[in-house]
PDB file of N, CA and C in Angstrom:
ATOM      1  N   MET A   1     -60.914 -25.715  50.920  1.00  0.00           N
ATOM      2  CA  MET A   1     -60.429 -25.924  49.551  1.00  0.00           C
ATOM      3  C   MET A   1     -59.028 -25.314  49.426  1.00  0.00           C
ATOM      4  N   ASN A   2     -58.077 -26.080  48.942  1.00  0.00           N
ATOM      5  CA  ASN A   2     -56.714 -25.606  48.712  1.00  0.00           C
ATOM      6  C   ASN A   2     -56.702 -24.727  47.479  1.00  0.00           C
ATOM      7  N   LYS A   3     -56.392 -23.461  47.658  1.00  0.00           N
ATOM      8  CA  LYS A   3     -56.373 -22.530  46.537  1.00  0.00           C
ATOM      9  C   LYS A   3     -55.023 -22.507  45.838  1.00  0.00           C
ATOM     10  N   ASN A   4     -54.034 -23.177  46.434  1.00  0.00           N
ATOM     11  CA  ASN A   4     -52.694 -23.172  45.875  1.00  0.00           C
ATOM     12  C   ASN A   4     -52.577 -24.160  44.718  1.00  0.00           C
ATOM     13  N   MET A   5     -52.952 -25.398  44.913  1.00  0.00           N
ATOM     14  CA  MET A   5     -52.997 -26.453  43.903  1.00  0.00           C
ATOM     15  C   MET A   5     -51.662 -26.736  43.232  1.00  0.00           C
ATOM     16  N   GLU A   6     -50.547 -26.452  43.865  1.00  0.00           N
ATOM     17  CA  GLU A   6     -49.267 -26.784  43.266  1.00  0.00           C
ATOM     18  C   GLU A   6     -48.915 -28.222  43.596  1.00  0.00           C
ATOM     19  N   GLY A   7     -48.201 -28.868  42.663  1.00  0.00           N
ATOM     20  CA  GLY A   7     -47.795 -30.241  42.849  1.00  0.00           C
ATOM     21  C   GLY A   7     -46.722 -30.379  43.913  1.00  0.00           C
ATOM     22  N   GLU A   8     -46.612 -31.578  44.445  1.00  0.00           N
ATOM     23  CA  GLU A   8     -45.636 -31.886  45.475  1.00  0.00           C
ATOM     24  C   GLU A   8     -44.916 -33.170  45.090  1.00  0.00           C
ATOM     25  N   ALA A   9     -43.613 -33.215  45.322  1.00  0.00           N
ATOM     26  CA  ALA A   9     -42.834 -34.432  45.113  1.00  0.00           C
ATOM     27  C   ALA A   9     -42.562 -35.053  46.468  1.00  0.00           C
ATOM     28  N   VAL A  10     -42.616 -36.366  46.509  1.00  0.00           N
ATOM     29  CA  VAL A  10     -42.366 -37.101  47.742  1.00  0.00           C
ATOM     30  C   VAL A  10     -41.252 -38.100  47.467  1.00  0.00           C
ATOM     31  N   VAL A  11     -40.225 -38.098  48.330  1.00  0.00           N
ATOM     32  CA  VAL A  11     -39.123 -39.039  48.216  1.00  0.00           C
ATOM     33  C   VAL A  11     -39.367 -40.153  49.228  1.00  0.00           C
ATOM     34  N   VAL A  12     -39.352 -41.402  48.732  1.00  0.00           N
ATOM     35  CA  VAL A  12     -39.645 -42.545  49.582  1.00  0.00           C
ATOM     36  C   VAL A  12     -38.424 -43.458  49.641  1.00  0.00           C
ATOM     37  N   ASP A  13     -38.040 -43.858  50.855  1.00  0.00           N
ATOM     38  CA  ASP A  13     -36.996 -44.859  51.048  1.00  0.00           C
ATOM     39  C   ASP A  13     -37.642 -46.200  50.709  1.00  0.00           C
ATOM     40  N   THR A  14     -37.203 -46.832  49.624  1.00  0.00           N
ATOM     41  CA  THR A  14     -37.863 -48.062  49.184  1.00  0.00           C
ATOM     42  C   THR A  14     -37.558 -49.257  50.065  1.00  0.00           C
ATOM     43  N   THR A  15     -36.579 -49.144  50.946  1.00  0.00           N
ATOM     44  CA  THR A  15     -36.307 -50.226  51.883  1.00  0.00           C
ATOM     45  C   THR A  15     -37.306 -50.221  53.033  1.00  0.00           C
ATOM     46  N   SER A  16     -37.540 -49.030  53.597  1.00  0.00           N
ATOM     47  CA  SER A  16     -38.438 -48.917  54.751  1.00  0.00           C
ATOM     48  C   SER A  16     -39.847 -48.457  54.375  1.00  0.00           C
ATOM     49  N   ASN A  17     -40.030 -48.017  53.131  1.00  0.00           N
ATOM     50  CA  ASN A  17     -41.299 -47.426  52.668  1.00  0.00           C
ATOM     51  C   ASN A  17     -41.681 -46.185  53.464  1.00  0.00           C
ATOM     52  N   GLU A  18     -40.696 -45.499  54.009  1.00  0.00           N
ATOM     53  CA  GLU A  18     -40.907 -44.267  54.759  1.00  0.00           C
ATOM     54  C   GLU A  18     -40.680 -43.065  53.851  1.00  0.00           C
ATOM     55  N   ILE A  19     -41.471 -42.021  54.057  1.00  0.00           N
ATOM     56  CA  ILE A  19     -41.243 -40.755  53.345  1.00  0.00           C
ATOM     57  C   ILE A  19     -40.064 -40.071  54.005  1.00  0.00           C
ATOM     58  N   VAL A  20     -39.018 -39.768  53.220  1.00  0.00           N
ATOM     59  CA  VAL A  20     -37.823 -39.147  53.768  1.00  0.00           C
ATOM     60  C   VAL A  20     -37.702 -37.672  53.416  1.00  0.00           C
ATOM     61  N   ASN A  21     -38.470 -37.227  52.431  1.00  0.00           N
ATOM     62  CA  ASN A  21     -38.426 -35.816  52.050  1.00  0.00           C
ATOM     63  C   ASN A  21     -39.647 -35.506  51.204  1.00  0.00           C
ATOM     64  N   ARG A  22     -40.076 -34.263  51.247  1.00  0.00           N
ATOM     65  CA  ARG A  22     -41.143 -33.801  50.373  1.00  0.00           C
ATOM     66  C   ARG A  22     -40.906 -32.323  50.092  1.00  0.00           C
ATOM     67  N   PHE A  23     -41.256 -31.897  48.896  1.00  0.00           N
ATOM     68  CA  PHE A  23     -41.070 -30.496  48.543  1.00  0.00           C
ATOM     69  C   PHE A  23     -42.035 -30.118  47.421  1.00  0.00           C
ATOM     70  N   ASP A  24     -42.345 -28.830  47.380  1.00  0.00           N
ATOM     71  CA  ASP A  24     -43.226 -28.307  46.337  1.00  0.00           C
ATOM     72  C   ASP A  24     -42.520 -28.348  44.996  1.00  0.00           C
ATOM     73  N   LEU A  25     -43.271 -28.635  43.957  1.00  0.00           N
ATOM     74  CA  LEU A  25     -42.717 -28.662  42.614  1.00  0.00           C
ATOM     75  C   LEU A  25     -42.687 -27.277  41.965  1.00  0.00           C
ATOM     76  N   GLY A  26     -43.462 -26.330  42.506  1.00  0.00           N
ATOM     77  CA  GLY A  26     -43.498 -25.015  41.896  1.00  0.00           C
ATOM     78  C   GLY A  26     -44.215 -25.027  40.557  1.00  0.00           C
ATOM     79  N   ALA A  27     -45.120 -25.998  40.384  1.00  0.00           N
ATOM     80  CA  ALA A  27     -45.872 -26.138  39.151  1.00  0.00           C
ATOM     81  C   ALA A  27     -47.300 -26.550  39.475  1.00  0.00           C
ATOM     82  N   GLU A  28     -48.264 -26.029  38.731  1.00  0.00           N
ATOM     83  CA  GLU A  28     -49.656 -26.384  38.953  1.00  0.00           C
ATOM     84  C   GLU A  28     -50.092 -27.564  38.102  1.00  0.00           C
ATOM     85  N   GLN A  29     -49.455 -27.762  36.975  1.00  0.00           N
ATOM     86  CA  GLN A  29     -49.799 -28.856  36.074  1.00  0.00           C
ATOM     87  C   GLN A  29     -48.530 -29.635  35.713  1.00  0.00           C
ATOM     88  N   PRO A  30     -47.886 -30.289  36.687  1.00  0.00           N
ATOM     89  CA  PRO A  30     -46.631 -30.992  36.403  1.00  0.00           C
ATOM     90  C   PRO A  30     -46.821 -32.238  35.549  1.00  0.00           C
ATOM     91  N   LEU A  31     -45.997 -32.342  34.518  1.00  0.00           N
ATOM     92  CA  LEU A  31     -46.021 -33.487  33.600  1.00  0.00           C
ATOM     93  C   LEU A  31     -44.584 -33.892  33.286  1.00  0.00           C
ATOM     94  N   ASN A  32     -44.429 -35.125  32.800  1.00  0.00           N
ATOM     95  CA  ASN A  32     -43.155 -35.593  32.232  1.00  0.00           C
ATOM     96  C   ASN A  32     -41.974 -35.364  33.172  1.00  0.00           C
ATOM     97  N   LEU A  33     -42.064 -35.903  34.358  1.00  0.00           N
ATOM     98  CA  LEU A  33     -40.981 -35.769  35.326  1.00  0.00           C
ATOM     99  C   LEU A  33     -39.789 -36.647  34.914  1.00  0.00           C
ATOM    100  N   ALA A  34     -38.592 -36.110  35.082  1.00  0.00           N
ATOM    101  CA  ALA A  34     -37.369 -36.855  34.789  1.00  0.00           C
ATOM    102  C   ALA A  34     -36.314 -36.486  35.813  1.00  0.00           C
ATOM    103  N   TYR A  35     -35.506 -37.465  36.199  1.00  0.00           N
ATOM    104  CA  TYR A  35     -34.438 -37.222  37.171  1.00  0.00           C
ATOM    105  C   TYR A  35     -33.112 -37.048  36.439  1.00  0.00           C
ATOM    106  N   ASP A  36     -32.442 -35.932  36.688  1.00  0.00           N
ATOM    107  CA  ASP A  36     -31.115 -35.647  36.150  1.00  0.00           C
ATOM    108  C   ASP A  36     -30.099 -36.060  37.202  1.00  0.00           C
ATOM    109  N   LYS A  37     -29.581 -37.290  37.112  1.00  0.00           N
ATOM    110  CA  LYS A  37     -28.680 -37.837  38.116  1.00  0.00           C
ATOM    111  C   LYS A  37     -27.366 -37.059  38.193  1.00  0.00           C
ATOM    112  N   VAL A  38     -26.859 -36.616  37.060  1.00  0.00           N
ATOM    113  CA  VAL A  38     -25.577 -35.891  37.029  1.00  0.00           C
ATOM    114  C   VAL A  38     -25.630 -34.611  37.859  1.00  0.00           C
ATOM    115  N   HIS A  39     -26.721 -33.865  37.767  1.00  0.00           N
ATOM    116  CA  HIS A  39     -26.836 -32.590  38.475  1.00  0.00           C
ATOM    117  C   HIS A  39     -27.783 -32.659  39.686  1.00  0.00           C
ATOM    118  N   ASN A  40     -28.301 -33.847  39.994  1.00  0.00           N
ATOM    119  CA  ASN A  40     -29.223 -34.070  41.110  1.00  0.00           C
ATOM    120  C   ASN A  40     -30.412 -33.117  41.055  1.00  0.00           C
ATOM    121  N   ARG A  41     -31.048 -33.085  39.862  1.00  0.00           N
ATOM    122  CA  ARG A  41     -32.211 -32.214  39.645  1.00  0.00           C
ATOM    123  C   ARG A  41     -33.394 -33.043  39.187  1.00  0.00           C
ATOM    124  N   LEU A  42     -34.570 -32.558  39.534  1.00  0.00           N
ATOM    125  CA  LEU A  42     -35.806 -33.108  38.996  1.00  0.00           C
ATOM    126  C   LEU A  42     -36.286 -32.130  37.938  1.00  0.00           C
ATOM    127  N   LEU A  43     -36.520 -32.630  36.739  1.00  0.00           N
ATOM    128  CA  LEU A  43     -36.968 -31.805  35.616  1.00  0.00           C
ATOM    129  C   LEU A  43     -38.420 -32.143  35.315  1.00  0.00           C
ATOM    130  N   LEU A  44     -39.210 -31.133  35.009  1.00  0.00           N
ATOM    131  CA  LEU A  44     -40.612 -31.387  34.662  1.00  0.00           C
ATOM    132  C   LEU A  44     -41.122 -30.267  33.786  1.00  0.00           C
ATOM    133  N   VAL A  45     -42.269 -30.531  33.186  1.00  0.00           N
ATOM    134  CA  VAL A  45     -42.976 -29.531  32.388  1.00  0.00           C
ATOM    135  C   VAL A  45     -44.163 -29.050  33.196  1.00  0.00           C
ATOM    136  N   ASP A  46     -44.321 -27.733  33.302  1.00  0.00           N
ATOM    137  CA  ASP A  46     -45.522 -27.149  33.888  1.00  0.00           C
ATOM    138  C   ASP A  46     -46.401 -26.766  32.697  1.00  0.00           C
ATOM    139  N   GLN A  47     -47.386 -27.613  32.422  1.00  0.00           N
ATOM    140  CA  GLN A  47     -48.125 -27.544  31.172  1.00  0.00           C
ATOM    141  C   GLN A  47     -48.856 -26.228  30.935  1.00  0.00           C
ATOM    142  N   GLY A  48     -49.626 -25.736  31.894  1.00  0.00           N
ATOM    143  CA  GLY A  48     -50.376 -24.501  31.691  1.00  0.00           C
ATOM    144  C   GLY A  48     -51.456 -24.623  30.635  1.00  0.00           C
ATOM    145  N   HIS A  49     -52.077 -25.807  30.517  1.00  0.00           N
ATOM    146  CA  HIS A  49     -53.087 -26.033  29.489  1.00  0.00           C
ATOM    147  C   HIS A  49     -54.345 -25.219  29.777  1.00  0.00           C
ATOM    148  N   PRO A  50     -54.828 -24.450  28.800  1.00  0.00           N
ATOM    149  CA  PRO A  50     -55.994 -23.579  29.016  1.00  0.00           C
ATOM    150  C   PRO A  50     -57.240 -24.333  29.494  1.00  0.00           C
ATOM    151  N   LYS A  51     -57.480 -25.541  28.983  1.00  0.00           N
ATOM    152  CA  LYS A  51     -58.659 -26.312  29.415  1.00  0.00           C
ATOM    153  C   LYS A  51     -58.566 -26.659  30.901  1.00  0.00           C
ATOM    154  N   MET A  52     -57.371 -27.000  31.366  1.00  0.00           N
ATOM    155  CA  MET A  52     -57.185 -27.320  32.785  1.00  0.00           C
ATOM    156  C   MET A  52     -57.413 -26.077  33.638  1.00  0.00           C
ATOM    157  N   LEU A  53     -56.911 -24.938  33.169  1.00  0.00           N
ATOM    158  CA  LEU A  53     -57.130 -23.684  33.898  1.00  0.00           C
ATOM    159  C   LEU A  53     -58.619 -23.350  33.971  1.00  0.00           C
ATOM    160  N   GLU A  54     -59.371 -23.596  32.881  1.00  0.00           N
ATOM    161  CA  GLU A  54     -60.817 -23.360  32.889  1.00  0.00           C
ATOM    162  C   GLU A  54     -61.475 -24.280  33.925  1.00  0.00           C
ATOM    163  N   PHE A  55     -61.073 -25.550  33.952  1.00  0.00           N
ATOM    164  CA  PHE A  55     -61.628 -26.504  34.908  1.00  0.00           C
ATOM    165  C   PHE A  55     -61.352 -26.042  36.337  1.00  0.00           C
ATOM    166  N   GLN A  56     -60.119 -25.636  36.604  1.00  0.00           N
ATOM    167  CA  GLN A  56     -59.750 -25.212  37.954  1.00  0.00           C
ATOM    168  C   GLN A  56     -60.590 -24.013  38.395  1.00  0.00           C
ATOM    169  N   LYS A  57     -60.770 -23.045  37.524  1.00  0.00           N
ATOM    170  CA  LYS A  57     -61.546 -21.859  37.880  1.00  0.00           C
ATOM    171  C   LYS A  57     -63.026 -22.182  38.065  1.00  0.00           C
ATOM    172  N   LYS A  58     -63.560 -23.079  37.219  1.00  0.00           N
ATOM    173  CA  LYS A  58     -64.983 -23.423  37.272  1.00  0.00           C
ATOM    174  C   LYS A  58     -65.309 -24.299  38.488  1.00  0.00           C
ATOM    175  N   ASP A  59     -64.507 -25.322  38.711  1.00  0.00           N
ATOM    176  CA  ASP A  59     -64.842 -26.324  39.722  1.00  0.00           C
ATOM    177  C   ASP A  59     -64.214 -26.081  41.093  1.00  0.00           C
ATOM    178  N   MET A  60     -63.387 -25.062  41.220  1.00  0.00           N
ATOM    179  CA  MET A  60     -62.770 -24.736  42.509  1.00  0.00           C
ATOM    180  C   MET A  60     -62.967 -23.258  42.795  1.00  0.00           C
ATOM    181  N   PRO A  61     -64.122 -22.902  43.320  1.00  0.00           N
ATOM    182  CA  PRO A  61     -64.414 -21.480  43.576  1.00  0.00           C
ATOM    183  C   PRO A  61     -63.300 -20.833  44.388  1.00  0.00           C
ATOM    184  N   GLY A  62     -62.892 -19.659  43.942  1.00  0.00           N
ATOM    185  CA  GLY A  62     -61.840 -18.923  44.619  1.00  0.00           C
ATOM    186  C   GLY A  62     -60.433 -19.276  44.158  1.00  0.00           C
ATOM    187  N   TYR A  63     -60.315 -20.283  43.288  1.00  0.00           N
ATOM    188  CA  TYR A  63     -58.982 -20.679  42.816  1.00  0.00           C
ATOM    189  C   TYR A  63     -58.412 -19.617  41.873  1.00  0.00           C
ATOM    190  N   GLU A  64     -57.155 -19.298  42.083  1.00  0.00           N
ATOM    191  CA  GLU A  64     -56.452 -18.374  41.191  1.00  0.00           C
ATOM    192  C   GLU A  64     -55.092 -18.979  40.858  1.00  0.00           C
ATOM    193  N   SER A  65     -54.802 -19.106  39.582  1.00  0.00           N
ATOM    194  CA  SER A  65     -53.523 -19.637  39.147  1.00  0.00           C
ATOM    195  C   SER A  65     -52.415 -18.662  39.508  1.00  0.00           C
ATOM    196  N   ARG A  66     -51.318 -19.220  40.051  1.00  0.00           N
ATOM    197  CA  ARG A  66     -50.166 -18.375  40.419  1.00  0.00           C
ATOM    198  C   ARG A  66     -48.960 -18.640  39.530  1.00  0.00           C
ATOM    199  N   ARG A  67     -49.079 -19.584  38.610  1.00  0.00           N
ATOM    200  CA  ARG A  67     -47.954 -19.957  37.770  1.00  0.00           C
ATOM    201  C   ARG A  67     -48.313 -19.755  36.307  1.00  0.00           C
ATOM    202  N   PRO A  68     -47.320 -19.385  35.494  1.00  0.00           N
ATOM    203  CA  PRO A  68     -47.614 -19.100  34.086  1.00  0.00           C
ATOM    204  C   PRO A  68     -47.844 -20.339  33.232  1.00  0.00           C
ATOM    205  N   GLY A  69     -47.322 -21.482  33.629  1.00  0.00           N
ATOM    206  CA  GLY A  69     -47.426 -22.679  32.789  1.00  0.00           C
ATOM    207  C   GLY A  69     -46.570 -22.529  31.553  1.00  0.00           C
ATOM    208  N   SER A  70     -46.645 -23.520  30.656  1.00  0.00           N
ATOM    209  CA  SER A  70     -45.894 -23.537  29.405  1.00  0.00           C
ATOM    210  C   SER A  70     -44.412 -23.265  29.651  1.00  0.00           C
ATOM    211  N   ARG A  71     -43.834 -24.024  30.589  1.00  0.00           N
ATOM    212  CA  ARG A  71     -42.443 -23.808  30.940  1.00  0.00           C
ATOM    213  C   ARG A  71     -41.812 -25.105  31.439  1.00  0.00           C
ATOM    214  N   VAL A  72     -40.498 -25.105  31.446  1.00  0.00           N
ATOM    215  CA  VAL A  72     -39.732 -26.208  32.011  1.00  0.00           C
ATOM    216  C   VAL A  72     -39.276 -25.787  33.394  1.00  0.00           C
ATOM    217  N   VAL A  73     -39.364 -26.692  34.364  1.00  0.00           N
ATOM    218  CA  VAL A  73     -38.947 -26.413  35.723  1.00  0.00           C
ATOM    219  C   VAL A  73     -37.863 -27.404  36.106  1.00  0.00           C
ATOM    220  N   ALA A  74     -36.799 -26.898  36.715  1.00  0.00           N
ATOM    221  CA  ALA A  74     -35.728 -27.756  37.242  1.00  0.00           C
ATOM    222  C   ALA A  74     -35.622 -27.485  38.732  1.00  0.00           C
ATOM    223  N   ILE A  75     -35.624 -28.557  39.517  1.00  0.00           N
ATOM    224  CA  ILE A  75     -35.542 -28.427  40.971  1.00  0.00           C
ATOM    225  C   ILE A  75     -34.247 -29.032  41.444  1.00  0.00           C
ATOM    226  N   ASP A  76     -33.453 -28.243  42.138  1.00  0.00           N
ATOM    227  CA  ASP A  76     -32.220 -28.740  42.755  1.00  0.00           C
ATOM    228  C   ASP A  76     -32.636 -29.552  43.970  1.00  0.00           C
ATOM    229  N   LEU A  77     -32.411 -30.846  43.939  1.00  0.00           N
ATOM    230  CA  LEU A  77     -32.899 -31.712  45.013  1.00  0.00           C
ATOM    231  C   LEU A  77     -32.108 -31.553  46.307  1.00  0.00           C
ATOM    232  N   ALA A  78     -30.932 -30.969  46.251  1.00  0.00           N
ATOM    233  CA  ALA A  78     -30.157 -30.740  47.473  1.00  0.00           C
ATOM    234  C   ALA A  78     -30.714 -29.548  48.258  1.00  0.00           C
ATOM    235  N   THR A  79     -31.222 -28.540  47.543  1.00  0.00           N
ATOM    236  CA  THR A  79     -31.684 -27.324  48.207  1.00  0.00           C
ATOM    237  C   THR A  79     -33.191 -27.130  48.127  1.00  0.00           C
ATOM    238  N   GLY A  80     -33.846 -27.813  47.183  1.00  0.00           N
ATOM    239  CA  GLY A  80     -35.283 -27.613  46.971  1.00  0.00           C
ATOM    240  C   GLY A  80     -35.605 -26.376  46.175  1.00  0.00           C
ATOM    241  N   LYS A  81     -34.574 -25.632  45.742  1.00  0.00           N
ATOM    242  CA  LYS A  81     -34.821 -24.428  44.961  1.00  0.00           C
ATOM    243  C   LYS A  81     -35.219 -24.796  43.541  1.00  0.00           C
ATOM    244  N   THR A  82     -36.148 -24.020  42.999  1.00  0.00           N
ATOM    245  CA  THR A  82     -36.616 -24.289  41.651  1.00  0.00           C
ATOM    246  C   THR A  82     -36.081 -23.242  40.679  1.00  0.00           C
ATOM    247  N   VAL A  83     -35.887 -23.706  39.456  1.00  0.00           N
ATOM    248  CA  VAL A  83     -35.472 -22.832  38.376  1.00  0.00           C
ATOM    249  C   VAL A  83     -36.422 -23.106  37.226  1.00  0.00           C
ATOM    250  N   ALA A  84     -37.024 -22.075  36.682  1.00  0.00           N
ATOM    251  CA  ALA A  84     -37.943 -22.231  35.543  1.00  0.00           C
ATOM    252  C   ALA A  84     -37.393 -21.463  34.371  1.00  0.00           C
ATOM    253  N   LEU A  85     -37.408 -22.082  33.204  1.00  0.00           N
ATOM    254  CA  LEU A  85     -36.895 -21.457  32.000  1.00  0.00           C
ATOM    255  C   LEU A  85     -38.039 -21.205  31.034  1.00  0.00           C
ATOM    256  N   LYS A  86     -38.148 -19.971  30.566  1.00  0.00           N
ATOM    257  CA  LYS A  86     -39.091 -19.648  29.505  1.00  0.00           C
ATOM    258  C   LYS A  86     -38.241 -19.491  28.254  1.00  0.00           C
ATOM    259  N   ALA A  87     -38.174 -20.564  27.463  1.00  0.00           N
ATOM    260  CA  ALA A  87     -37.246 -20.639  26.347  1.00  0.00           C
ATOM    261  C   ALA A  87     -37.488 -19.554  25.297  1.00  0.00           C
ATOM    262  N   SER A  88     -38.735 -19.142  25.097  1.00  0.00           N
ATOM    263  CA  SER A  88     -39.039 -18.166  24.041  1.00  0.00           C
ATOM    264  C   SER A  88     -38.395 -16.809  24.303  1.00  0.00           C
ATOM    265  N   THR A  89     -38.142 -16.482  25.571  1.00  0.00           N
ATOM    266  CA  THR A  89     -37.538 -15.191  25.897  1.00  0.00           C
ATOM    267  C   THR A  89     -36.148 -15.328  26.529  1.00  0.00           C
ATOM    268  N   GLY A  90     -35.750 -16.559  26.870  1.00  0.00           N
ATOM    269  CA  GLY A  90     -34.464 -16.746  27.526  1.00  0.00           C
ATOM    270  C   GLY A  90     -34.477 -16.279  28.971  1.00  0.00           C
ATOM    271  N   THR A  91     -35.656 -16.227  29.560  1.00  0.00           N
ATOM    272  CA  THR A  91     -35.779 -15.766  30.954  1.00  0.00           C
ATOM    273  C   THR A  91     -35.776 -16.966  31.892  1.00  0.00           C
ATOM    274  N   VAL A  92     -35.009 -16.854  32.968  1.00  0.00           N
ATOM    275  CA  VAL A  92     -34.964 -17.900  33.983  1.00  0.00           C
ATOM    276  C   VAL A  92     -35.583 -17.334  35.251  1.00  0.00           C
ATOM    277  N   PHE A  93     -36.453 -18.125  35.905  1.00  0.00           N
ATOM    278  CA  PHE A  93     -37.075 -17.737  37.161  1.00  0.00           C
ATOM    279  C   PHE A  93     -36.543 -18.663  38.240  1.00  0.00           C
ATOM    280  N   VAL A  94     -36.098 -18.088  39.348  1.00  0.00           N
ATOM    281  CA  VAL A  94     -35.521 -18.859  40.449  1.00  0.00           C
ATOM    282  C   VAL A  94     -36.278 -18.532  41.725  1.00  0.00           C
ATOM    283  N   THR A  95     -36.645 -19.566  42.487  1.00  0.00           N
ATOM    284  CA  THR A  95     -37.318 -19.306  43.749  1.00  0.00           C
ATOM    285  C   THR A  95     -36.279 -19.003  44.816  1.00  0.00           C
ATOM    286  N   VAL A  96     -36.648 -18.122  45.711  1.00  0.00           N
ATOM    287  CA  VAL A  96     -35.846 -17.812  46.889  1.00  0.00           C
ATOM    288  C   VAL A  96     -36.642 -18.344  48.061  1.00  0.00           C
ATOM    289  N   LYS A  97     -36.229 -19.493  48.571  1.00  0.00           N
ATOM    290  CA  LYS A  97     -36.992 -20.202  49.602  1.00  0.00           C
ATOM    291  C   LYS A  97     -36.917 -19.497  50.955  1.00  0.00           C
ATOM    292  N   ASN A  98     -37.973 -19.650  51.732  1.00  0.00           N
ATOM    293  CA  ASN A  98     -38.000 -19.120  53.094  1.00  0.00           C
ATOM    294  C   ASN A  98     -37.084 -19.924  53.996  1.00  0.00           C
ATOM    295  N   ALA A  99     -36.646 -19.317  55.067  1.00  0.00           N
ATOM    296  CA  ALA A  99     -35.846 -20.025  56.071  1.00  0.00           C
ATOM    297  C   ALA A  99     -36.731 -21.057  56.769  1.00  0.00           C
ATOM    298  N   LYS A 100     -36.107 -22.065  57.397  1.00  0.00           N
ATOM    299  CA  LYS A 100     -36.865 -23.126  58.061  1.00  0.00           C
ATOM    300  C   LYS A 100     -37.803 -22.581  59.136  1.00  0.00           C
ATOM    301  N   GLY A 101     -37.458 -21.504  59.798  1.00  0.00           N
ATOM    302  CA  GLY A 101     -38.267 -20.956  60.873  1.00  0.00           C
ATOM    303  C   GLY A 101     -39.333 -19.980  60.409  1.00  0.00           C
ATOM    304  N   ALA A 102     -39.495 -19.791  59.100  1.00  0.00           N
ATOM    305  CA  ALA A 102     -40.476 -18.842  58.587  1.00  0.00           C
ATOM    306  C   ALA A 102     -41.892 -19.295  58.960  1.00  0.00           C
ATOM    307  N   PRO A 103     -42.785 -18.353  59.245  1.00  0.00           N
ATOM    308  CA  PRO A 103     -44.163 -18.717  59.578  1.00  0.00           C
ATOM    309  C   PRO A 103     -44.815 -19.524  58.446  1.00  0.00           C
ATOM    310  N   GLU A 104     -45.639 -20.501  58.806  1.00  0.00           N
ATOM    311  CA  GLU A 104     -46.317 -21.317  57.819  1.00  0.00           C
ATOM    312  C   GLU A 104     -47.195 -20.456  56.929  1.00  0.00           C
ATOM    313  N   GLY A 105     -47.124 -20.693  55.628  1.00  0.00           N
ATOM    314  CA  GLY A 105     -47.940 -19.947  54.684  1.00  0.00           C
ATOM    315  C   GLY A 105     -47.321 -18.652  54.211  1.00  0.00           C
ATOM    316  N   SER A 106     -46.140 -18.270  54.741  1.00  0.00           N
ATOM    317  CA  SER A 106     -45.525 -17.028  54.283  1.00  0.00           C
ATOM    318  C   SER A 106     -45.035 -17.189  52.857  1.00  0.00           C
ATOM    319  N   LYS A 107     -45.190 -16.153  52.080  1.00  0.00           N
ATOM    320  CA  LYS A 107     -44.854 -16.205  50.655  1.00  0.00           C
ATOM    321  C   LYS A 107     -43.343 -16.206  50.453  1.00  0.00           C
ATOM    322  N   GLU A 108     -42.936 -16.930  49.407  1.00  0.00           N
ATOM    323  CA  GLU A 108     -41.537 -16.941  49.014  1.00  0.00           C
ATOM    324  C   GLU A 108     -41.341 -15.922  47.891  1.00  0.00           C
ATOM    325  N   SER A 109     -40.101 -15.639  47.585  1.00  0.00           N
ATOM    326  CA  SER A 109     -39.790 -14.667  46.548  1.00  0.00           C
ATOM    327  C   SER A 109     -39.379 -15.387  45.266  1.00  0.00           C
ATOM    328  N   VAL A 110     -39.481 -14.690  44.157  1.00  0.00           N
ATOM    329  CA  VAL A 110     -39.032 -15.207  42.878  1.00  0.00           C
ATOM    330  C   VAL A 110     -38.138 -14.156  42.244  1.00  0.00           C
ATOM    331  N   ALA A 111     -36.972 -14.611  41.772  1.00  0.00           N
ATOM    332  CA  ALA A 111     -36.052 -13.717  41.051  1.00  0.00           C
ATOM    333  C   ALA A 111     -36.170 -14.036  39.572  1.00  0.00           C
ATOM    334  N   ARG A 112     -36.198 -12.997  38.736  1.00  0.00           N
ATOM    335  CA  ARG A 112     -36.256 -13.174  37.276  1.00  0.00           C
ATOM    336  C   ARG A 112     -34.917 -12.767  36.701  1.00  0.00           C
ATOM    337  N   ILE A 113     -34.336 -13.649  35.904  1.00  0.00           N
ATOM    338  CA  ILE A 113     -33.022 -13.401  35.290  1.00  0.00           C
ATOM    339  C   ILE A 113     -33.186 -13.517  33.787  1.00  0.00           C
ATOM    340  N   ALA A 114     -32.884 -12.470  33.061  1.00  0.00           N
ATOM    341  CA  ALA A 114     -32.990 -12.482  31.592  1.00  0.00           C
ATOM    342  C   ALA A 114     -31.596 -12.639  30.995  1.00  0.00           C
ATOM    343  N   PHE A 115     -31.474 -13.542  30.048  1.00  0.00           N
ATOM    344  CA  PHE A 115     -30.195 -13.791  29.365  1.00  0.00           C
ATOM    345  C   PHE A 115     -30.321 -13.432  27.903  1.00  0.00           C
ATOM    346  N   GLN A 116     -29.201 -13.071  27.295  1.00  0.00           N
ATOM    347  CA  GLN A 116     -29.184 -12.802  25.868  1.00  0.00           C
ATOM    348  C   GLN A 116     -29.280 -14.108  25.086  1.00  0.00           C
ATOM    349  N   SER A 117     -28.668 -15.162  25.613  1.00  0.00           N
ATOM    350  CA  SER A 117     -28.765 -16.486  24.973  1.00  0.00           C
ATOM    351  C   SER A 117     -28.825 -17.521  26.091  1.00  0.00           C
ATOM    352  N   VAL A 118     -29.444 -18.652  25.782  1.00  0.00           N
ATOM    353  CA  VAL A 118     -29.612 -19.704  26.787  1.00  0.00           C
ATOM    354  C   VAL A 118     -29.085 -21.006  26.214  1.00  0.00           C
ATOM    355  N   TRP A 119     -28.418 -21.782  27.035  1.00  0.00           N
ATOM    356  CA  TRP A 119     -27.927 -23.092  26.643  1.00  0.00           C
ATOM    357  C   TRP A 119     -28.225 -24.061  27.769  1.00  0.00           C
ATOM    358  N   VAL A 120     -28.332 -25.318  27.398  1.00  0.00           N
ATOM    359  CA  VAL A 120     -28.550 -26.376  28.373  1.00  0.00           C
ATOM    360  C   VAL A 120     -27.466 -27.412  28.175  1.00  0.00           C
ATOM    361  N   ASP A 121     -26.784 -27.801  29.278  1.00  0.00           N
ATOM    362  CA  ASP A 121     -25.738 -28.813  29.104  1.00  0.00           C
ATOM    363  C   ASP A 121     -26.216 -30.144  29.576  1.00  0.00           C
TER     364      ASP A 121
END
């Protein structure tokens, strides 16, 4: 049983139908995906719905949520790094990805950045 349960995005070459890239979304309940062409980012909502969390805990023994939910996530498609914004506090969370040679399953780091004010362009 996968205890991680985070979503994954898959990029498909529509000419060859080959998968050309895949990366973690950094969200357990990804919804409302949108592509920001100007900044080459994938934007999504990590819902964090309490009923879904109850289902996950009940029907997947040993499952533990690792994400807070109720947030917007932006993924830089060039680097795969994720940025999550908690609008109520103005806090931004950024993943620090492992190097390509890192052992499989090794944990990545998260940096928390608090701002006095937040804007989106």
